[in-house]
């Protein structure tokens, strides 16, 4: 039996013939659709709205290659090798009622994107600001693997805190700040 698809309400499609001429440099110019003739190179005029231009500029900025500007502060777990990895079985991420745990003392440069890696499995708040006056910058979604776009100024102290009622004491967290 072949399955059938029923769309309700029915989809209506309308087409139009399109432009037959446009004004180019003050002269009425005919529109040709002739893909066989290489001499026909006149394209239709295109003008982007201000919103579209702004969106393209934002897209260009967000997709340009970013370089690492900082990492979470390196921690020595007793073997003499300080690494930028937070092992929550050694240093727990505090619950939402406690003060956030500092992970970057002072961001080295402006940050536009964060690459995140974790196996914690819970929502985590990333906070910016001095001790006692931290403000939520963003929420690290669960599961957290990948990139998160942000706008954090150089010199910002960063910290983390669980968004749940319990401290997080299982798993690892690493972050690369890109700018």
Foldseek 3Di string as FASTA:
>chain_A
DDDDDDDPPDDDDDDDPDDQWDADPNRIGGDDDDPPDPVPPDDDDDDDDPVVVVVVVVVCVLPPDWDFQDKFFFDDPPPPDTDRKDQLLVPWAAAPVDWFAWRAQWGRAWFFKKFKDKDQFAKKFKWWDDGPDTDTQDIQDPPHGGMDTGTGGTGITIGMHGHHRGIGRHMMMIMTTID
